[in-house]
């Protein structure tokens, strides 16, 4: 892969299109024969889906520098334009937060545009390319920053970072980890006890123990263990990207091979095939039985047996 390729193009170069095929089904997750349906195409590189409180969805188009909103009836409109490479999205009350990679910042706003910059790169705390973001039960948020360096699986010195920003922590991010080659997607288990982070250039999903809600310790992870190994690789790497979790603690990881599903203990349950290489996924709909999938130029939906977590956002 040529090092001059932008990150989004580099991801595409690794993950070749996957032909649409009939699903065998995964018990408790998706019924046999049910496959992803196209909601809309014509985008450039979709990412960052997050369900809204009314069953709608926000998602981003990185290369178009836009954030879209889909209402509960399925109508899609532009929620925010002129982003600086908005990628991962997260909801906090009525505000939408965005990890803007090319801008090296985290912003917050609403359907009328950006309201404020929450966090930006400084000499004291430089950021590379904020990628994905999720809020915890305290109102703080975690985000991944794989850096702006080329996506090179052969570089042993390549490491990104995982950060935490407390609800009252001002603009100073707390470092959670700096040992993962390309930290990308992240999620929090339904019980709030573990933060999961995947590695695009590795085969491991990492779990960080989180301090109890009543603890005075910062939520920066007190232990790091391997949650699961990703079995289906693409060109020797997982190409793991965005993640989702359901109400039973099953984990959904978008990879070069499709959406790989694991149970709450890390056992691999199967792969959901998608017509295009998926970049991220999120539960939404009025009962959270619909999994929305961002996949290159398209947005897809899949009717699930499983149900999204009982919490706001992702």
Protein backbone atom coordinates (compact mmCIF):
# COMPACT_ATOMS: atom_id res chain seq x y z
CA UNK A 1 0.00 0.00 0.00
CA UNK A 2 1.31 3.45 -0.89
CA UNK A 3 1.93 5.58 2.17
CA UNK A 4 0.58 8.68 0.43
CA UNK A 5 -2.97 7.30 0.49
CA UNK A 6 -5.41 9.11 2.82
CA UNK A 7 -6.68 7.02 5.72
CA UNK A 8 -10.13 6.43 4.23
CA UNK A 9 -8.60 5.28 0.94
CA UNK A 10 -6.15 3.11 2.79
CA UNK A 11 -8.97 1.33 4.57
CA UNK A 12 -10.69 0.74 1.24
CA UNK A 13 -7.49 -0.64 -0.24
CA UNK A 14 -7.36 -3.37 2.39
CA UNK A 15 -11.05 -4.31 2.37
CA UNK A 16 -12.24 -5.56 -1.00
CA UNK A 17 -15.98 -5.51 -1.82
CA UNK A 18 -17.90 -8.45 -0.36
CA UNK A 19 -20.56 -10.02 -2.63
CA UNK A 20 -24.04 -9.99 -1.16
CA UNK A 21 -25.06 -13.46 -0.03
CA UNK A 22 -27.82 -15.19 1.89
CA UNK A 23 -27.15 -15.32 5.60
CA UNK A 24 -27.08 -18.63 7.43
CA UNK A 25 -28.24 -16.85 10.57
CA UNK A 26 -26.74 -16.60 14.05
CA UNK A 27 -28.89 -17.94 16.92
CA UNK A 28 -30.34 -15.11 18.99
CA UNK A 29 -28.74 -12.52 16.71
CA UNK A 30 -30.18 -12.72 13.19
CA UNK A 31 -32.58 -15.20 11.60
CA UNK A 32 -31.54 -17.43 8.68
CA UNK A 33 -32.08 -15.84 5.28
CA UNK A 34 -32.26 -12.28 6.59
CA UNK A 35 -29.71 -10.00 4.95
CA UNK A 36 -28.83 -6.30 4.98
CA UNK A 37 -31.11 -4.00 2.99
CA UNK A 38 -29.91 -0.82 1.31
CA UNK A 39 -31.42 2.31 2.87
CA UNK A 40 -29.67 4.83 0.63
CA UNK A 41 -26.49 5.10 -1.41
CA UNK A 42 -24.66 7.91 -3.20
CA UNK A 43 -22.44 8.86 -0.27
CA UNK A 44 -18.63 8.75 -0.39
CA UNK A 45 -17.46 7.08 2.87
CA UNK A 46 -20.14 6.60 5.50
CA UNK A 47 -19.23 6.21 9.18
CA UNK A 48 -20.19 7.00 12.77
CA UNK A 49 -23.82 5.77 13.10
CA UNK A 50 -25.51 6.50 16.40
CA UNK A 51 -29.17 5.92 17.23
CA UNK A 52 -31.32 8.82 18.39
CA UNK A 53 -33.79 8.83 21.27
CA UNK A 54 -36.79 8.59 18.90
CA UNK A 55 -35.45 5.69 16.84
CA UNK A 56 -33.74 7.75 14.16
CA UNK A 57 -30.06 7.89 13.31
CA UNK A 58 -27.11 10.21 12.82
CA UNK A 59 -24.21 9.17 10.61
CA UNK A 60 -21.27 10.87 8.97
CA UNK A 61 -19.77 11.02 5.49
CA UNK A 62 -16.07 11.54 6.12
CA UNK A 63 -14.91 12.64 2.67
CA UNK A 64 -17.95 14.87 2.06
CA UNK A 65 -17.40 16.58 5.46
CA UNK A 66 -21.04 16.10 6.39
CA UNK A 67 -23.18 14.64 9.15
CA UNK A 68 -26.59 13.28 8.15
CA UNK A 69 -29.77 12.76 10.15
CA UNK A 70 -32.34 10.06 9.39
CA UNK A 71 -35.69 10.60 11.09
CA UNK A 72 -37.82 7.70 12.40
CA UNK A 73 -39.69 7.57 9.08
CA UNK A 74 -36.45 7.12 7.15
CA UNK A 75 -36.06 10.61 5.65
CA UNK A 76 -32.37 11.58 5.40
CA UNK A 77 -31.23 15.20 5.54
CA UNK A 78 -27.96 17.03 6.14
CA UNK A 79 -27.59 17.79 9.84
CA UNK A 80 -24.22 19.50 9.69
CA UNK A 81 -21.99 20.53 6.81
CA UNK A 82 -18.40 21.69 6.57
CA UNK A 83 -17.11 19.30 9.19
CA UNK A 84 -13.40 18.62 9.34
CA UNK A 85 -13.55 14.94 8.52
CA UNK A 86 -16.26 14.03 11.05
CA UNK A 87 -16.04 10.31 11.76
CA UNK A 88 -17.33 8.76 15.02
CA UNK A 89 -20.42 10.34 16.61
CA UNK A 90 -21.94 10.18 20.09
CA UNK A 91 -25.01 11.65 21.77
CA UNK A 92 -24.94 13.41 25.13
CA UNK A 93 -28.40 14.60 26.11
CA UNK A 94 -29.58 16.68 23.13
CA UNK A 95 -26.11 17.41 21.77
CA UNK A 96 -24.22 15.49 19.12
CA UNK A 97 -20.48 15.10 19.57
CA UNK A 98 -18.19 14.37 16.62
CA UNK A 99 -14.61 13.18 16.32
CA UNK A 100 -13.30 15.32 13.46
CA UNK A 101 -10.16 13.59 12.23
CA UNK A 102 -8.68 16.06 9.79
CA UNK A 103 -9.48 18.92 12.18
CA UNK A 104 -7.79 17.13 15.09
CA UNK A 105 -10.67 18.02 17.39
CA UNK A 106 -13.84 16.91 19.14
CA UNK A 107 -16.86 19.12 18.52
CA UNK A 108 -20.41 19.31 19.81
CA UNK A 109 -23.48 20.66 18.11
CA UNK A 110 -27.04 19.99 17.03
CA UNK A 111 -29.01 19.83 13.81
CA UNK A 112 -28.20 23.47 13.15
CA UNK A 113 -24.45 22.92 13.03
CA UNK A 114 -21.43 23.05 15.31
CA UNK A 115 -21.95 24.78 18.65
CA UNK A 116 -18.48 24.54 20.13
CA UNK A 117 -15.11 22.85 19.99
CA UNK A 118 -14.87 20.61 23.05
CA UNK A 119 -11.29 19.49 22.62
CA UNK A 120 -8.58 20.33 20.10
CA UNK A 121 -4.94 19.56 19.49
CA UNK A 122 -2.43 21.68 21.40
CA UNK A 123 1.34 21.64 21.80
CA UNK A 124 0.87 20.31 25.33
CA UNK A 125 -1.64 17.64 24.28
CA UNK A 126 -1.28 16.99 20.53
CA UNK A 127 -3.91 14.94 18.75
CA UNK A 128 -3.35 12.97 15.55
CA UNK A 129 -6.76 12.13 14.07
CA UNK A 130 -9.65 11.55 16.54
CA UNK A 131 -11.62 8.60 15.24
CA UNK A 132 -14.43 7.19 17.40
CA UNK A 133 -16.15 8.36 20.57
CA UNK A 134 -18.54 7.07 23.25
CA UNK A 135 -19.96 8.48 26.50
CA UNK A 136 -19.91 6.65 29.81
CA UNK A 137 -22.53 6.76 32.58
CA UNK A 138 -20.79 9.72 34.26
CA UNK A 139 -21.09 12.05 31.28
CA UNK A 140 -17.43 11.76 30.34
CA UNK A 141 -16.32 10.30 27.04
CA UNK A 142 -13.66 8.04 25.60
CA UNK A 143 -12.20 8.49 22.15
CA UNK A 144 -9.66 6.73 19.97
CA UNK A 145 -6.86 8.56 18.19
CA UNK A 146 -4.96 6.22 15.85
CA UNK A 147 -2.86 9.13 14.61
CA UNK A 148 -2.41 10.58 11.16
CA UNK A 149 0.57 8.38 10.19
CA UNK A 150 0.10 6.05 7.20
CA UNK A 151 -1.80 2.81 7.75
CA UNK A 152 1.18 0.47 7.60
CA UNK A 153 0.77 -2.99 9.17
CA UNK A 154 4.51 -3.61 8.80
CA UNK A 155 5.53 -0.70 11.04
CA UNK A 156 6.29 -2.17 14.51
CA UNK A 157 6.60 1.29 16.02
CA UNK A 158 3.13 2.45 15.03
CA UNK A 159 0.91 3.07 18.07
CA UNK A 160 -2.23 5.12 18.52
CA UNK A 161 -3.87 6.35 21.70
CA UNK A 162 -7.07 5.97 23.67
CA UNK A 163 -8.19 8.96 25.77
CA UNK A 164 -10.80 9.83 28.37
CA UNK A 165 -12.31 13.27 28.98
CA UNK A 166 -14.19 13.63 32.27
CA UNK A 167 -17.46 15.56 32.39
CA UNK A 168 -15.78 18.14 34.61
CA UNK A 169 -12.30 17.65 33.20
CA UNK A 170 -12.16 20.76 31.07
CA UNK A 171 -10.14 20.27 27.91
CA UNK A 172 -7.43 18.03 29.28
CA UNK A 173 -7.66 14.46 27.92
CA UNK A 174 -6.46 11.64 30.17
CA UNK A 175 -4.38 8.96 28.47
CA UNK A 176 -5.90 5.49 28.80
CA UNK A 177 -3.57 3.52 26.51
CA UNK A 178 -0.82 4.09 23.96
CA UNK A 179 0.16 0.50 23.11
CA UNK A 180 -2.42 -0.44 20.46
CA UNK A 181 -1.13 -0.17 16.88
CA UNK A 182 -4.32 1.33 15.42
CA UNK A 183 -7.07 1.83 18.04
CA UNK A 184 -10.26 2.39 16.10
CA UNK A 185 -13.75 1.32 17.16
CA UNK A 186 -14.83 1.33 20.79
CA UNK A 187 -17.86 0.52 22.89
CA UNK A 188 -18.85 0.05 26.53
CA UNK A 189 -20.46 -3.17 27.75
CA UNK A 190 -24.10 -2.83 28.92
CA UNK A 191 -23.15 -3.17 32.59
CA UNK A 192 -20.67 -0.30 32.24
CA UNK A 193 -17.79 -2.34 33.63
CA UNK A 194 -15.64 -2.68 30.52
CA UNK A 195 -14.49 -0.47 27.68
CA UNK A 196 -13.73 -2.43 24.49
CA UNK A 197 -11.31 -1.13 21.85
CA UNK A 198 -10.40 -2.92 18.63
CA UNK A 199 -7.18 -2.74 16.60
CA UNK A 200 -7.39 -2.28 12.84
CA UNK A 201 -3.85 -3.56 12.33
CA UNK A 202 -4.06 -6.42 14.83
CA UNK A 203 -6.35 -9.34 15.64
CA UNK A 204 -7.28 -8.46 19.22
CA UNK A 205 -10.21 -6.69 20.84
CA UNK A 206 -8.93 -5.19 24.09
CA UNK A 207 -10.96 -4.79 27.29
CA UNK A 208 -10.28 -2.13 29.92
CA UNK A 209 -11.80 -2.51 33.39
CA UNK A 210 -13.63 0.64 34.39
CA UNK A 211 -13.78 2.06 37.89
CA UNK A 212 -17.16 1.67 39.64
CA UNK A 213 -19.50 4.61 39.14
CA UNK A 214 -19.20 5.65 42.80
CA UNK A 215 -15.40 5.47 42.74
CA UNK A 216 -13.38 8.68 42.86
CA UNK A 217 -10.85 7.23 40.42
CA UNK A 218 -10.83 8.66 36.91
CA UNK A 219 -12.43 6.37 34.33
CA UNK A 220 -9.13 5.66 32.62
CA UNK A 221 -9.07 1.88 32.90
CA UNK A 222 -7.39 0.01 35.74
CA UNK A 223 -6.59 -3.20 33.84
CA UNK A 224 -6.22 -4.23 30.20
CA UNK A 225 -6.89 -7.73 28.95
CA UNK A 226 -7.63 -9.43 25.63
CA UNK A 227 -11.41 -9.75 25.23
CA UNK A 228 -11.30 -11.74 22.00
CA UNK A 229 -9.25 -12.67 18.97
CA UNK A 230 -10.74 -11.81 15.58
CA UNK A 231 -10.52 -15.01 13.52
CA UNK A 232 -11.35 -13.85 9.98
CA UNK A 233 -8.56 -11.58 8.72
CA UNK A 234 -8.00 -9.60 5.52
CA UNK A 235 -4.47 -9.60 4.17
CA UNK A 236 -3.28 -10.76 7.59
CA UNK A 237 -4.97 -8.01 9.62
CA UNK A 238 -8.48 -7.63 11.04
CA UNK A 239 -9.31 -4.25 9.48
CA UNK A 240 -11.48 -3.87 12.61
CA UNK A 241 -13.42 -0.61 12.61
CA UNK A 242 -16.57 0.54 14.39
CA UNK A 243 -18.25 -1.55 17.08
CA UNK A 244 -21.68 -2.03 18.65
CA UNK A 245 -23.02 -4.02 21.60
CA UNK A 246 -26.47 -5.48 22.22
CA UNK A 247 -28.56 -5.83 25.37
CA UNK A 248 -27.11 -9.29 26.12
CA UNK A 249 -23.51 -8.08 25.87
CA UNK A 250 -22.83 -9.51 22.43
CA UNK A 251 -20.27 -7.49 20.52
CA UNK A 252 -20.47 -6.56 16.83
CA UNK A 253 -17.21 -5.60 15.13
CA UNK A 254 -17.04 -4.34 11.54
CA UNK A 255 -14.06 -5.89 9.76
CA UNK A 256 -12.76 -6.62 6.29
CA UNK A 257 -14.63 -9.95 6.38
CA UNK A 258 -17.97 -8.45 7.48
CA UNK A 259 -19.51 -7.83 10.90
CA UNK A 260 -17.98 -10.38 13.26
CA UNK A 261 -20.15 -11.20 16.28
CA UNK A 262 -18.91 -12.33 19.71
CA UNK A 263 -20.74 -13.29 22.87
CA UNK A 264 -20.16 -11.42 26.14
CA UNK A 265 -17.26 -13.72 27.01
CA UNK A 266 -15.50 -13.19 23.68
CA UNK A 267 -16.58 -16.38 21.89
CA UNK A 268 -16.90 -15.91 18.12
CA UNK A 269 -20.50 -16.57 17.02
CA UNK A 270 -20.39 -15.86 13.30
CA UNK A 271 -20.07 -13.25 10.56
CA UNK A 272 -22.76 -11.02 9.09
CA UNK A 273 -21.94 -10.43 5.42
CA UNK A 274 -22.58 -6.97 3.97
CA UNK A 275 -22.70 -6.04 0.25
CA UNK A 276 -19.95 -3.45 0.79
CA UNK A 277 -17.11 -3.55 3.34
CA UNK A 278 -18.68 -2.19 6.57
CA UNK A 279 -17.10 0.62 8.56
CA UNK A 280 -19.43 0.86 11.57
CA UNK A 281 -22.81 -0.19 12.95
CA UNK A 282 -25.37 0.86 15.56
CA UNK A 283 -28.75 -0.29 16.84
CA UNK A 284 -31.76 1.98 16.45
CA UNK A 285 -35.44 1.95 15.51
CA UNK A 286 -38.29 2.31 18.02
CA UNK A 287 -37.43 -1.02 19.69
CA UNK A 288 -33.71 -1.15 18.83
CA UNK A 289 -34.15 -4.33 16.79
CA UNK A 290 -32.62 -2.74 13.68
CA UNK A 291 -28.88 -2.71 13.10
CA UNK A 292 -27.82 0.17 10.86
CA UNK A 293 -24.58 -0.40 8.97
CA UNK A 294 -22.40 2.21 7.30
CA UNK A 295 -20.57 0.67 4.36
CA UNK A 296 -18.58 2.85 1.99
CA UNK A 297 -21.06 4.58 -0.37
CA UNK A 298 -24.15 3.18 1.32
CA UNK A 299 -26.23 3.00 4.48
CA UNK A 300 -27.80 -0.41 5.19
CA UNK A 301 -30.20 -1.84 7.76
CA UNK A 302 -30.63 -5.37 9.10
CA UNK A 303 -33.60 -6.70 11.06
CA UNK A 304 -32.23 -8.38 14.19
CA UNK A 305 -33.38 -10.93 16.73
CA UNK A 306 -31.06 -9.20 19.18
CA UNK A 307 -31.83 -5.80 20.68
CA UNK A 308 -29.67 -2.75 21.21
CA UNK A 309 -28.52 -1.73 24.71
CA UNK A 310 -30.95 -0.07 27.10
CA UNK A 311 -29.20 3.31 27.09
CA UNK A 312 -29.12 6.47 25.05
CA UNK A 313 -27.02 6.60 21.92
CA UNK A 314 -24.83 3.67 20.99
